[in-house]
Amino acid sequence: MARVSLHGLGKRFDNVEAVRDVNLEIADGEFVVLVGPSGCGKSTTLRIIAGLEESTSGEVRFGDRVVNDLTPRERNIAMVFQSYALYPHMTVERNMGFALEQDGTSKGDIRETVRKTAELLGIGELLERKPKALSGGQRQRVAMGRAIVRRPEVFLFDEPLSNLDAALRTQMRMEIKKLHRLLKTTVVYVTHDQIEAMTLADRIVVMDRGEIVQVGTPMEVYERPKTRFVAGFIGAPRMNFVPAAVGSNSVGDLTLAIPGTAPWRIPNAHRARFAMFAGGPVELGIRPEHFMEQAGPESALLSALPDVVEPTGADTLVHFPVGGADVVARSRPERRIAVGEPLAFAVDFSRIYAIDPASGRIDAA
């Protein structure tokens, strides 16, 4: 196992800066997920760690060792790809043991290591099959087994579950999490799926346009996003963004004005977060699960006219317009909601994020 350190990492392709000044410390045995939209630089960063891509600037360290000039084999990493990359003419046993053959490991040791790893992954009965006779989930297990038998210092996963259906993705997420708990190896995992990131990671690294924009535990990033981008990317359904303006009433209280809605008085406990926007615009961030049916002492009332209702079984997603924005709220499945019938929600001010419309920064006061 190894600690992985990235210092000032950069990568330029002609005139395109794919990765810009990435600095990150990954602890020995930690499971870190790089997440972000397509083109954000996460896969390029992973390939630089692996030695499959040469950085334009910066340094990669495994422990105290600078590995920039080392090949992937010399770095002692194992990588699991989206495409599985299995040898079609080899059996599962040979696929899993091939790297050990190349290293000169004895046949007996290879057979024993492959057998134990296959049992760990639940594919012991598949060792004589070839990849074409396997399902997508079985192929992914073989690819993971091939990585495990090498006992690498660092496991690297590049979108490994993207080719699987939804049910199998959920199952494989659990398997990967269990494996990490057993093996305790450093893992760097790339995905665009924020649910994978939330469920697998010890820490999430959110990337956008080649830069790291936030690092934290899944719940830190979810509950305390630093920017509008992070708030909108982490969470499903995504956070709602509603345009508003901060003003005041006749007695000097701060208020929030949303087009088509009666002004909301801002409770004193929350004035600090909105005072900086007084007399101007602010964007409100509200997560779907933070719409309530009952008003509390520090909540605002909102009238809704649903235009789409989506029953999902566990809850109901209610879509309605607010201040020119399309908003979605989670509601209890037993609450009967019909399209076009007026509905009331309450939102606690402690659950409303104040976002600077110009910079996208979220006030954390």
Foldseek 3Di string as FASTA:
>chain_A
DWKKWWAQWWADDVPATQAGGETDTFDFLFAEEEAEDPSQNQVVVLCQQQQVDQTPDTFMDTHNRTCRPPHNVVQQEAEQEQVLPFDQVAFLLCRLQVVVVVVVHDPVVSNVLLQVLCVLLVNNVRRGPGPVPDDLLVSSSSSVSSRVSSVGQEYEYEQNCPVDDPVSSVVVLVSVQVVSVVSSHHYYYYDHDLVSNLSRGCKYFYGGSNYTQDIDHSVCLAQPPFFLSSQQRHDVVGWFKFKWAWEADPVGFIWIGAPPDDIHGQDPVCCVQCVVRYPHMWIKTAHQAQWAQDADPQKDKDKFQFADWADPPQWIWTWGDTSNTIDIHTHGPPPDDDHRDIGMTIGGPVRIWIADPVPRGTDPD
